[in-house]
Amino acid sequence: MSLTAEQVLASHKANLETLFGLTTKAFEGVEKLVELNVTASRAALTEAANHTQAVLGVKDAQELLALQAGLFQPLAEKTAAYSRHLYDISSGTAAEFGKAFEAQAADAQKSFTNLVDSAAKNAPAGSETAVAVMKSAVSAANNAFESVQKAVKQASDVAEANFNAVASTAANAAKSAAPRKRG
């Protein structure tokens, strides 16, 4: 089976569209990261200025200790929120790349299966065993690929669950530690 010029051009066009689409998604991810970091930096600068003003207005050591203790819980919560947002951006961008890869892989599998079927139809008499072995190998490869995709999805789900658990534990620890510092 030979490819026509139109098929080759269509394939190149599809590949370029995928490349530009992924490049756009990558830039969107970078834009979101920059926006997150600018917002976080602006908030941190404002909070630092406000805290400095509050420290300058302190009248005694007890008030200073209370002010410092009140700083830690919101800081831990904001750090956890920042980490969560960062994770959401990166996992969303990775998911877009994964979808594109899966679509390309599905197209490649379909094309290869069609090629094998076409070759099987045009195979000389007596080559049925070789054709059956080839079809079996293609089927096994497809099954293996699907298994790997499922395993990666499960690993991603476990990683997200672990991230959520760690973020929740850190936020709860900050909440419980803040009252102890005041007492």
N, C-alpha and C. Protein backbone atom coordinates (compact mmCIF):
# COMPACT_ATOMS: atom_id res chain seq x y z
N MET A 1 0.84 -1.18 0.00
CA MET A 1 0.00 0.00 0.00
C MET A 1 0.88 1.24 0.00
N SER A 2 0.68 2.14 -0.94
CA SER A 2 1.48 3.35 -1.01
C SER A 2 0.62 4.56 -0.67
N LEU A 3 1.28 5.55 -0.13
CA LEU A 3 0.57 6.76 0.26
C LEU A 3 0.57 7.73 -0.92
N THR A 4 -0.54 8.41 -1.10
CA THR A 4 -0.63 9.42 -2.15
C THR A 4 -0.09 10.74 -1.62
N ALA A 5 0.18 11.65 -2.53
CA ALA A 5 0.67 12.97 -2.13
C ALA A 5 -0.35 13.68 -1.25
N GLU A 6 -1.63 13.51 -1.54
CA GLU A 6 -2.67 14.14 -0.74
C GLU A 6 -2.67 13.60 0.70
N GLN A 7 -2.47 12.29 0.84
CA GLN A 7 -2.44 11.70 2.17
C GLN A 7 -1.24 12.21 2.98
N VAL A 8 -0.09 12.33 2.32
CA VAL A 8 1.10 12.83 3.00
C VAL A 8 0.90 14.28 3.42
N LEU A 9 0.36 15.10 2.51
CA LEU A 9 0.09 16.50 2.85
C LEU A 9 -0.93 16.62 3.97
N ALA A 10 -1.96 15.80 3.93
CA ALA A 10 -2.97 15.83 5.00
C ALA A 10 -2.35 15.45 6.34
N SER A 11 -1.48 14.47 6.30
CA SER A 11 -0.80 14.04 7.53
C SER A 11 0.07 15.16 8.08
N HIS A 12 0.85 15.80 7.20
CA HIS A 12 1.70 16.91 7.65
C HIS A 12 0.86 18.06 8.17
N LYS A 13 -0.24 18.36 7.51
CA LYS A 13 -1.12 19.44 7.95
C LYS A 13 -1.67 19.12 9.34
N ALA A 14 -2.12 17.89 9.54
CA ALA A 14 -2.66 17.49 10.85
C ALA A 14 -1.59 17.58 11.93
N ASN A 15 -0.36 17.16 11.59
CA ASN A 15 0.73 17.24 12.56
C ASN A 15 1.07 18.68 12.92
N LEU A 16 1.06 19.57 11.92
CA LEU A 16 1.33 20.99 12.19
C LEU A 16 0.22 21.60 13.04
N GLU A 17 -1.03 21.25 12.76
CA GLU A 17 -2.14 21.76 13.57
C GLU A 17 -2.01 21.29 15.01
N THR A 18 -1.63 20.04 15.19
CA THR A 18 -1.43 19.52 16.55
C THR A 18 -0.29 20.25 17.24
N LEU A 19 0.81 20.47 16.52
CA LEU A 19 1.96 21.17 17.08
C LEU A 19 1.58 22.58 17.51
N PHE A 20 0.89 23.30 16.64
CA PHE A 20 0.49 24.67 16.99
C PHE A 20 -0.52 24.67 18.14
N GLY A 21 -1.40 23.70 18.15
CA GLY A 21 -2.36 23.60 19.26
C GLY A 21 -1.66 23.35 20.58
N LEU A 22 -0.68 22.46 20.58
CA LEU A 22 0.06 22.17 21.81
C LEU A 22 0.92 23.37 22.24
N THR A 23 1.48 24.06 21.26
CA THR A 23 2.26 25.26 21.58
C THR A 23 1.37 26.31 22.22
N THR A 24 0.17 26.46 21.69
CA THR A 24 -0.79 27.41 22.28
C THR A 24 -1.13 27.01 23.71
N LYS A 25 -1.38 25.73 23.93
CA LYS A 25 -1.69 25.25 25.29
C LYS A 25 -0.51 25.49 26.23
N ALA A 26 0.70 25.27 25.74
CA ALA A 26 1.88 25.49 26.58
C ALA A 26 1.99 26.96 26.97
N PHE A 27 1.78 27.86 26.00
CA PHE A 27 1.83 29.29 26.30
C PHE A 27 0.71 29.69 27.27
N GLU A 28 -0.47 29.10 27.11
CA GLU A 28 -1.56 29.39 28.05
C GLU A 28 -1.17 28.98 29.46
N GLY A 29 -0.53 27.83 29.58
CA GLY A 29 -0.06 27.37 30.89
C GLY A 29 0.97 28.32 31.48
N VAL A 30 1.90 28.78 30.65
CA VAL A 30 2.93 29.72 31.12
C VAL A 30 2.27 31.04 31.53
N GLU A 31 1.30 31.51 30.73
CA GLU A 31 0.59 32.74 31.08
C GLU A 31 -0.10 32.61 32.44
N LYS A 32 -0.73 31.47 32.68
CA LYS A 32 -1.40 31.25 33.96
C LYS A 32 -0.39 31.24 35.11
N LEU A 33 0.77 30.62 34.88
CA LEU A 33 1.80 30.60 35.92
C LEU A 33 2.32 32.00 36.21
N VAL A 34 2.54 32.78 35.16
CA VAL A 34 3.02 34.15 35.35
C VAL A 34 1.98 34.96 36.11
N GLU A 35 0.71 34.83 35.71
CA GLU A 35 -0.37 35.55 36.38
C GLU A 35 -0.45 35.15 37.86
N LEU A 36 -0.35 33.85 38.13
CA LEU A 36 -0.37 33.38 39.52
C LEU A 36 0.78 33.97 40.31
N ASN A 37 1.98 33.95 39.74
CA ASN A 37 3.14 34.45 40.47
C ASN A 37 3.09 35.97 40.67
N VAL A 38 2.60 36.70 39.67
CA VAL A 38 2.47 38.16 39.84
C VAL A 38 1.44 38.46 40.93
N THR A 39 0.32 37.77 40.90
CA THR A 39 -0.72 37.98 41.91
C THR A 39 -0.20 37.64 43.30
N ALA A 40 0.49 36.50 43.41
CA ALA A 40 1.03 36.09 44.71
C ALA A 40 2.09 37.07 45.19
N SER A 41 2.94 37.54 44.29
CA SER A 41 3.99 38.49 44.67
C SER A 41 3.38 39.82 45.12
N ARG A 42 2.38 40.28 44.38
CA ARG A 42 1.72 41.54 44.74
C ARG A 42 1.07 41.41 46.13
N ALA A 43 0.38 40.29 46.36
CA ALA A 43 -0.26 40.08 47.66
C ALA A 43 0.78 39.99 48.78
N ALA A 44 1.87 39.29 48.52
CA ALA A 44 2.92 39.16 49.54
C ALA A 44 3.54 40.52 49.87
N LEU A 45 3.75 41.33 48.85
CA LEU A 45 4.33 42.65 49.07
C LEU A 45 3.38 43.53 49.89
N THR A 46 2.11 43.50 49.54
CA THR A 46 1.11 44.28 50.29
C THR A 46 1.03 43.81 51.73
N GLU A 47 1.01 42.49 51.93
CA GLU A 47 0.93 41.95 53.29
C GLU A 47 2.18 42.28 54.09
N ALA A 48 3.34 42.24 53.44
CA ALA A 48 4.59 42.58 54.14
C ALA A 48 4.57 44.05 54.57
N ALA A 49 4.08 44.91 53.69
CA ALA A 49 4.00 46.34 54.04
C ALA A 49 3.03 46.54 55.20
N ASN A 50 1.87 45.88 55.14
CA ASN A 50 0.89 46.00 56.22
C ASN A 50 1.44 45.46 57.53
N HIS A 51 2.13 44.34 57.46
CA HIS A 51 2.70 43.73 58.67
C HIS A 51 3.79 44.63 59.26
N THR A 52 4.60 45.21 58.38
CA THR A 52 5.65 46.11 58.86
C THR A 52 5.03 47.31 59.57
N GLN A 53 3.97 47.85 58.99
CA GLN A 53 3.28 48.98 59.63
C GLN A 53 2.72 48.57 60.99
N ALA A 54 2.17 47.36 61.06
CA ALA A 54 1.62 46.87 62.33
C ALA A 54 2.72 46.68 63.35
N VAL A 55 3.87 46.15 62.93
CA VAL A 55 5.00 45.94 63.84
C VAL A 55 5.50 47.29 64.36
N LEU A 56 5.54 48.27 63.50
CA LEU A 56 6.01 49.60 63.92
C LEU A 56 5.06 50.24 64.93
N GLY A 57 3.80 49.81 64.93
CA GLY A 57 2.83 50.37 65.86
C GLY A 57 2.69 49.59 67.15
N VAL A 58 3.48 48.54 67.34
CA VAL A 58 3.40 47.71 68.54
C VAL A 58 3.89 48.49 69.75
N LYS A 59 3.18 48.31 70.86
CA LYS A 59 3.51 49.05 72.08
C LYS A 59 4.26 48.21 73.11
N ASP A 60 4.08 46.86 73.06
CA ASP A 60 4.79 46.01 74.03
C ASP A 60 5.09 44.65 73.41
N ALA A 61 5.87 43.84 74.13
CA ALA A 61 6.30 42.53 73.64
C ALA A 61 5.13 41.58 73.47
N GLN A 62 4.15 41.64 74.35
CA GLN A 62 2.98 40.76 74.26
C GLN A 62 2.22 41.00 72.96
N GLU A 63 2.05 42.26 72.62
CA GLU A 63 1.36 42.61 71.37
C GLU A 63 2.16 42.15 70.15
N LEU A 64 3.49 42.24 70.24
CA LEU A 64 4.36 41.79 69.15
C LEU A 64 4.24 40.28 68.96
N LEU A 65 4.25 39.52 70.06
CA LEU A 65 4.12 38.07 69.98
C LEU A 65 2.77 37.67 69.39
N ALA A 66 1.71 38.35 69.79
CA ALA A 66 0.38 38.06 69.26
C ALA A 66 0.33 38.37 67.77
N LEU A 67 0.94 39.47 67.38
CA LEU A 67 0.98 39.85 65.96
C LEU A 67 1.73 38.81 65.14
N GLN A 68 2.88 38.38 65.64
CA GLN A 68 3.68 37.38 64.93
C GLN A 68 2.95 36.04 64.85
N ALA A 69 2.29 35.63 65.93
CA ALA A 69 1.56 34.36 65.95
C ALA A 69 0.40 34.40 64.96
N GLY A 70 -0.24 35.55 64.84
CA GLY A 70 -1.36 35.69 63.91
C GLY A 70 -0.93 35.67 62.46
N LEU A 71 0.35 35.80 62.20
CA LEU A 71 0.87 35.81 60.83
C LEU A 71 0.99 34.41 60.25
N PHE A 72 1.26 33.41 61.08
CA PHE A 72 1.61 32.09 60.58
C PHE A 72 0.46 31.32 59.95
N GLN A 73 -0.71 31.32 60.55
CA GLN A 73 -1.82 30.54 59.99
C GLN A 73 -2.23 31.04 58.61
N PRO A 74 -2.45 32.34 58.41
CA PRO A 74 -2.80 32.79 57.06
C PRO A 74 -1.69 32.51 56.05
N LEU A 75 -0.45 32.59 56.50
CA LEU A 75 0.67 32.32 55.60
C LEU A 75 0.65 30.86 55.15
N ALA A 76 0.41 29.94 56.07
CA ALA A 76 0.35 28.52 55.72
C ALA A 76 -0.83 28.25 54.79
N GLU A 77 -1.97 28.88 55.06
CA GLU A 77 -3.14 28.68 54.21
C GLU A 77 -2.90 29.23 52.81
N LYS A 78 -2.26 30.38 52.73
CA LYS A 78 -1.98 30.98 51.42
C LYS A 78 -0.95 30.14 50.65
N THR A 79 0.01 29.61 51.36
CA THR A 79 1.00 28.75 50.71
C THR A 79 0.33 27.49 50.16
N ALA A 80 -0.57 26.90 50.94
CA ALA A 80 -1.30 25.72 50.47
C ALA A 80 -2.18 26.06 49.27
N ALA A 81 -2.84 27.22 49.30
CA ALA A 81 -3.68 27.64 48.18
C ALA A 81 -2.83 27.88 46.94
N TYR A 82 -1.67 28.50 47.11
CA TYR A 82 -0.76 28.74 45.99
C TYR A 82 -0.31 27.41 45.39
N SER A 83 0.07 26.48 46.26
CA SER A 83 0.52 25.16 45.78
C SER A 83 -0.59 24.45 45.03
N ARG A 84 -1.80 24.55 45.53
CA ARG A 84 -2.95 23.91 44.88
C ARG A 84 -3.19 24.52 43.49
N HIS A 85 -3.14 25.84 43.42
CA HIS A 85 -3.35 26.52 42.14
C HIS A 85 -2.25 26.15 41.16
N LEU A 86 -1.03 26.10 41.63
CA LEU A 86 0.11 25.71 40.80
C LEU A 86 -0.08 24.29 40.28
N TYR A 87 -0.51 23.40 41.16
CA TYR A 87 -0.77 22.01 40.76
C TYR A 87 -1.89 21.94 39.72
N ASP A 88 -2.95 22.72 39.92
CA ASP A 88 -4.07 22.72 38.98
C ASP A 88 -3.63 23.18 37.59
N ILE A 89 -2.81 24.21 37.55
CA ILE A 89 -2.32 24.72 36.26
C ILE A 89 -1.47 23.66 35.56
N SER A 90 -0.53 23.09 36.30
CA SER A 90 0.37 22.11 35.67
C SER A 90 -0.37 20.83 35.27
N SER A 91 -1.30 20.36 36.11
CA SER A 91 -2.01 19.14 35.75
C SER A 91 -2.98 19.40 34.60
N GLY A 92 -3.56 20.60 34.53
CA GLY A 92 -4.45 20.94 33.41
C GLY A 92 -3.69 20.98 32.10
N THR A 93 -2.51 21.58 32.12
CA THR A 93 -1.69 21.65 30.92
C THR A 93 -1.23 20.24 30.52
N ALA A 94 -0.83 19.45 31.49
CA ALA A 94 -0.40 18.08 31.20
C ALA A 94 -1.56 17.26 30.64
N ALA A 95 -2.76 17.49 31.14
CA ALA A 95 -3.94 16.77 30.64
C ALA A 95 -4.20 17.11 29.17
N GLU A 96 -4.01 18.37 28.80
CA GLU A 96 -4.19 18.77 27.40
C GLU A 96 -3.17 18.07 26.51
N PHE A 97 -1.92 18.00 26.97
CA PHE A 97 -0.90 17.30 26.20
C PHE A 97 -1.23 15.81 26.12
N GLY A 98 -1.73 15.25 27.22
CA GLY A 98 -2.11 13.83 27.23
C GLY A 98 -3.22 13.53 26.25
N LYS A 99 -4.23 14.41 26.20
CA LYS A 99 -5.33 14.22 25.25
C LYS A 99 -4.82 14.23 23.82
N ALA A 100 -3.95 15.19 23.52
CA ALA A 100 -3.40 15.28 22.17
C ALA A 100 -2.59 14.03 21.83
N PHE A 101 -1.80 13.56 22.80
CA PHE A 101 -1.01 12.36 22.56
C PHE A 101 -1.91 11.15 22.33
N GLU A 102 -2.96 11.03 23.16
CA GLU A 102 -3.88 9.90 23.00
C GLU A 102 -4.57 9.94 21.63
N ALA A 103 -4.95 11.14 21.20
CA ALA A 103 -5.60 11.26 19.89
C ALA A 103 -4.64 10.87 18.78
N GLN A 104 -3.40 11.33 18.86
CA GLN A 104 -2.40 10.98 17.85
C GLN A 104 -2.12 9.48 17.87
N ALA A 105 -2.02 8.93 19.08
CA ALA A 105 -1.74 7.49 19.20
C ALA A 105 -2.90 6.68 18.63
N ALA A 106 -4.13 7.12 18.88
CA ALA A 106 -5.31 6.41 18.36
C ALA A 106 -5.31 6.46 16.84
N ASP A 107 -4.97 7.63 16.27
CA ASP A 107 -4.91 7.74 14.81
C ASP A 107 -3.81 6.84 14.24
N ALA A 108 -2.66 6.82 14.92
CA ALA A 108 -1.56 5.97 14.45
C ALA A 108 -1.93 4.49 14.53
N GLN A 109 -2.62 4.11 15.62
CA GLN A 109 -3.05 2.71 15.75
C GLN A 109 -4.02 2.35 14.64
N LYS A 110 -4.95 3.24 14.37
CA LYS A 110 -5.94 2.99 13.33
C LYS A 110 -5.26 2.86 11.97
N SER A 111 -4.35 3.75 11.67
CA SER A 111 -3.63 3.69 10.39
C SER A 111 -2.83 2.41 10.26
N PHE A 112 -2.15 2.03 11.35
CA PHE A 112 -1.34 0.82 11.30
C PHE A 112 -2.23 -0.41 11.15
N THR A 113 -3.34 -0.44 11.86
CA THR A 113 -4.28 -1.57 11.73
C THR A 113 -4.81 -1.65 10.31
N ASN A 114 -5.14 -0.52 9.71
CA ASN A 114 -5.60 -0.51 8.32
C ASN A 114 -4.52 -1.01 7.38
N LEU A 115 -3.28 -0.60 7.65
CA LEU A 115 -2.16 -1.06 6.83
C LEU A 115 -2.00 -2.58 6.95
N VAL A 116 -2.08 -3.11 8.17
CA VAL A 116 -1.97 -4.56 8.36
C VAL A 116 -3.12 -5.29 7.66
N ASP A 117 -4.34 -4.76 7.80
CA ASP A 117 -5.49 -5.38 7.13
C ASP A 117 -5.33 -5.36 5.62
N SER A 118 -4.85 -4.25 5.10
CA SER A 118 -4.64 -4.14 3.65
C SER A 118 -3.57 -5.13 3.19
N ALA A 119 -2.50 -5.23 3.97
CA ALA A 119 -1.43 -6.18 3.62
C ALA A 119 -1.95 -7.61 3.69
N ALA A 120 -2.82 -7.89 4.67
CA ALA A 120 -3.37 -9.24 4.82
C ALA A 120 -4.24 -9.60 3.62
N LYS A 121 -5.01 -8.64 3.12
CA LYS A 121 -5.87 -8.90 1.96
C LYS A 121 -5.06 -9.18 0.71
N ASN A 122 -3.91 -8.54 0.62
CA ASN A 122 -3.07 -8.69 -0.57
C ASN A 122 -1.97 -9.73 -0.38
N ALA A 123 -1.99 -10.43 0.73
CA ALA A 123 -0.94 -11.42 1.00
C ALA A 123 -1.11 -12.62 0.07
N PRO A 124 0.01 -13.22 -0.31
CA PRO A 124 -0.07 -14.40 -1.18
C PRO A 124 -0.69 -15.59 -0.45
N ALA A 125 -1.19 -16.48 -1.22
CA ALA A 125 -1.81 -17.69 -0.65
C ALA A 125 -0.78 -18.44 0.19
N GLY A 126 -1.24 -19.02 1.30
CA GLY A 126 -0.36 -19.78 2.17
C GLY A 126 0.29 -18.96 3.26
N SER A 127 0.03 -17.67 3.28
CA SER A 127 0.66 -16.82 4.30
C SER A 127 -0.31 -16.49 5.42
N GLU A 128 -1.38 -17.27 5.53
CA GLU A 128 -2.40 -17.00 6.55
C GLU A 128 -1.83 -17.03 7.96
N THR A 129 -0.91 -17.96 8.21
CA THR A 129 -0.32 -18.07 9.54
C THR A 129 0.48 -16.82 9.89
N ALA A 130 1.27 -16.35 8.96
CA ALA A 130 2.07 -15.14 9.19
C ALA A 130 1.17 -13.93 9.42
N VAL A 131 0.09 -13.85 8.66
CA VAL A 131 -0.86 -12.74 8.81
C VAL A 131 -1.53 -12.82 10.18
N ALA A 132 -1.90 -14.03 10.60
CA ALA A 132 -2.53 -14.20 11.92
C ALA A 132 -1.57 -13.79 13.04
N VAL A 133 -0.30 -14.16 12.89
CA VAL A 133 0.70 -13.79 13.89
C VAL A 133 0.85 -12.26 13.93
N MET A 134 0.88 -11.63 12.76
CA MET A 134 1.01 -10.17 12.69
C MET A 134 -0.19 -9.50 13.35
N LYS A 135 -1.40 -9.96 13.05
CA LYS A 135 -2.61 -9.39 13.65
C LYS A 135 -2.61 -9.59 15.17
N SER A 136 -2.15 -10.75 15.59
CA SER A 136 -2.08 -11.03 17.02
C SER A 136 -1.09 -10.10 17.71
N ALA A 137 0.04 -9.84 17.07
CA ALA A 137 1.05 -8.95 17.63
C ALA A 137 0.50 -7.52 17.73
N VAL A 138 -0.22 -7.08 16.69
CA VAL A 138 -0.80 -5.74 16.71
C VAL A 138 -1.84 -5.63 17.82
N SER A 139 -2.65 -6.65 17.96
CA SER A 139 -3.67 -6.66 19.01
C SER A 139 -3.01 -6.62 20.40
N ALA A 140 -1.96 -7.40 20.59
CA ALA A 140 -1.25 -7.42 21.88
C ALA A 140 -0.63 -6.06 22.17
N ALA A 141 -0.05 -5.43 21.15
CA ALA A 141 0.54 -4.10 21.33
C ALA A 141 -0.53 -3.09 21.71
N ASN A 142 -1.68 -3.15 21.06
CA ASN A 142 -2.78 -2.23 21.39
C ASN A 142 -3.25 -2.44 22.83
N ASN A 143 -3.37 -3.70 23.24
CA ASN A 143 -3.79 -3.99 24.62
C ASN A 143 -2.76 -3.49 25.63
N ALA A 144 -1.48 -3.67 25.31
CA ALA A 144 -0.42 -3.21 26.20
C ALA A 144 -0.46 -1.69 26.32
N PHE A 145 -0.67 -1.01 25.19
CA PHE A 145 -0.73 0.45 25.20
C PHE A 145 -1.90 0.93 26.06
N GLU A 146 -3.05 0.29 25.92
CA GLU A 146 -4.22 0.66 26.72
C GLU A 146 -3.97 0.42 28.21
N SER A 147 -3.28 -0.67 28.53
CA SER A 147 -2.95 -0.95 29.93
C SER A 147 -2.03 0.12 30.51
N VAL A 148 -1.05 0.54 29.72
CA VAL A 148 -0.13 1.59 30.18
C VAL A 148 -0.90 2.89 30.40
N GLN A 149 -1.82 3.23 29.48
CA GLN A 149 -2.62 4.44 29.64
C GLN A 149 -3.44 4.38 30.93
N LYS A 150 -4.04 3.24 31.21
CA LYS A 150 -4.83 3.09 32.43
C LYS A 150 -3.95 3.22 33.67
N ALA A 151 -2.75 2.64 33.63
CA ALA A 151 -1.84 2.70 34.77
C ALA A 151 -1.39 4.14 35.02
N VAL A 152 -1.10 4.87 33.95
CA VAL A 152 -0.69 6.27 34.10
C VAL A 152 -1.83 7.09 34.69
N LYS A 153 -3.05 6.85 34.24
CA LYS A 153 -4.22 7.56 34.76
C LYS A 153 -4.39 7.26 36.25
N GLN A 154 -4.27 5.99 36.63
CA GLN A 154 -4.40 5.62 38.04
C GLN A 154 -3.30 6.27 38.88
N ALA A 155 -2.08 6.28 38.37
CA ALA A 155 -0.97 6.91 39.10
C ALA A 155 -1.21 8.40 39.26
N SER A 156 -1.74 9.04 38.23
CA SER A 156 -2.05 10.47 38.32
C SER A 156 -3.13 10.72 39.36
N ASP A 157 -4.15 9.87 39.39
CA ASP A 157 -5.22 10.01 40.38
C ASP A 157 -4.68 9.85 41.80
N VAL A 158 -3.81 8.87 42.00
CA VAL A 158 -3.22 8.65 43.33
C VAL A 158 -2.35 9.85 43.72
N ALA A 159 -1.56 10.36 42.77
CA ALA A 159 -0.71 11.52 43.07
C ALA A 159 -1.55 12.73 43.45
N GLU A 160 -2.67 12.94 42.75
CA GLU A 160 -3.54 14.07 43.08
C GLU A 160 -4.16 13.88 44.47
N ALA A 161 -4.59 12.68 44.78
CA ALA A 161 -5.17 12.41 46.09
C ALA A 161 -4.13 12.64 47.19
N ASN A 162 -2.91 12.20 46.96
CA ASN A 162 -1.84 12.41 47.94
C ASN A 162 -1.54 13.90 48.11
N PHE A 163 -1.52 14.63 47.01
CA PHE A 163 -1.28 16.08 47.08
C PHE A 163 -2.36 16.75 47.91
N ASN A 164 -3.61 16.38 47.65
CA ASN A 164 -4.73 16.97 48.40
C ASN A 164 -4.63 16.64 49.88
N ALA A 165 -4.25 15.40 50.19
CA ALA A 165 -4.12 15.00 51.59
C ALA A 165 -3.00 15.76 52.30
N VAL A 166 -1.87 15.94 51.63
CA VAL A 166 -0.75 16.67 52.22
C VAL A 166 -1.13 18.14 52.42
N ALA A 167 -1.79 18.74 51.43
CA ALA A 167 -2.19 20.14 51.55
C ALA A 167 -3.18 20.32 52.70
N SER A 168 -4.12 19.40 52.82
CA SER A 168 -5.10 19.47 53.90
C SER A 168 -4.44 19.31 55.26
N THR A 169 -3.53 18.36 55.37
CA THR A 169 -2.82 18.12 56.63
C THR A 169 -2.00 19.34 57.02
N ALA A 170 -1.32 19.95 56.04
CA ALA A 170 -0.50 21.14 56.33
C ALA A 170 -1.37 22.30 56.80
N ALA A 171 -2.51 22.49 56.14
CA ALA A 171 -3.40 23.58 56.54
C ALA A 171 -3.96 23.34 57.95
N ASN A 172 -4.33 22.09 58.23
CA ASN A 172 -4.85 21.76 59.57
C ASN A 172 -3.77 21.92 60.65
N ALA A 173 -2.54 21.55 60.31
CA ALA A 173 -1.44 21.70 61.26
C ALA A 173 -1.19 23.17 61.56
N ALA A 174 -1.29 24.01 60.54
CA ALA A 174 -1.09 25.45 60.75
C ALA A 174 -2.20 26.01 61.61
N LYS A 175 -3.43 25.55 61.41
CA LYS A 175 -4.56 26.03 62.20
C LYS A 175 -4.39 25.64 63.67
N SER A 176 -3.97 24.40 63.90
CA SER A 176 -3.83 23.95 65.29
C SER A 176 -2.60 24.57 65.96
N ALA A 177 -1.55 24.89 65.19
CA ALA A 177 -0.36 25.47 65.77
C ALA A 177 -0.55 26.94 66.12
N ALA A 178 -1.37 27.63 65.38
CA ALA A 178 -1.57 29.07 65.62
C ALA A 178 -2.14 29.37 67.00
N PRO A 179 -3.16 28.68 67.48
CA PRO A 179 -3.67 28.98 68.83
C PRO A 179 -2.65 28.68 69.92
N ARG A 180 -1.82 27.65 69.75
CA ARG A 180 -0.83 27.31 70.77
C ARG A 180 0.20 28.42 70.94
N LYS A 181 0.55 29.11 69.86
CA LYS A 181 1.55 30.16 69.95
C LYS A 181 1.02 31.37 70.71
N ARG A 182 -0.29 31.58 70.65
CA ARG A 182 -0.87 32.73 71.32
C ARG A 182 -0.94 32.48 72.84
N GLY A 183 -1.11 31.24 73.21
CA GLY A 183 -1.29 30.92 74.62
C GLY A 183 -0.01 30.88 75.32
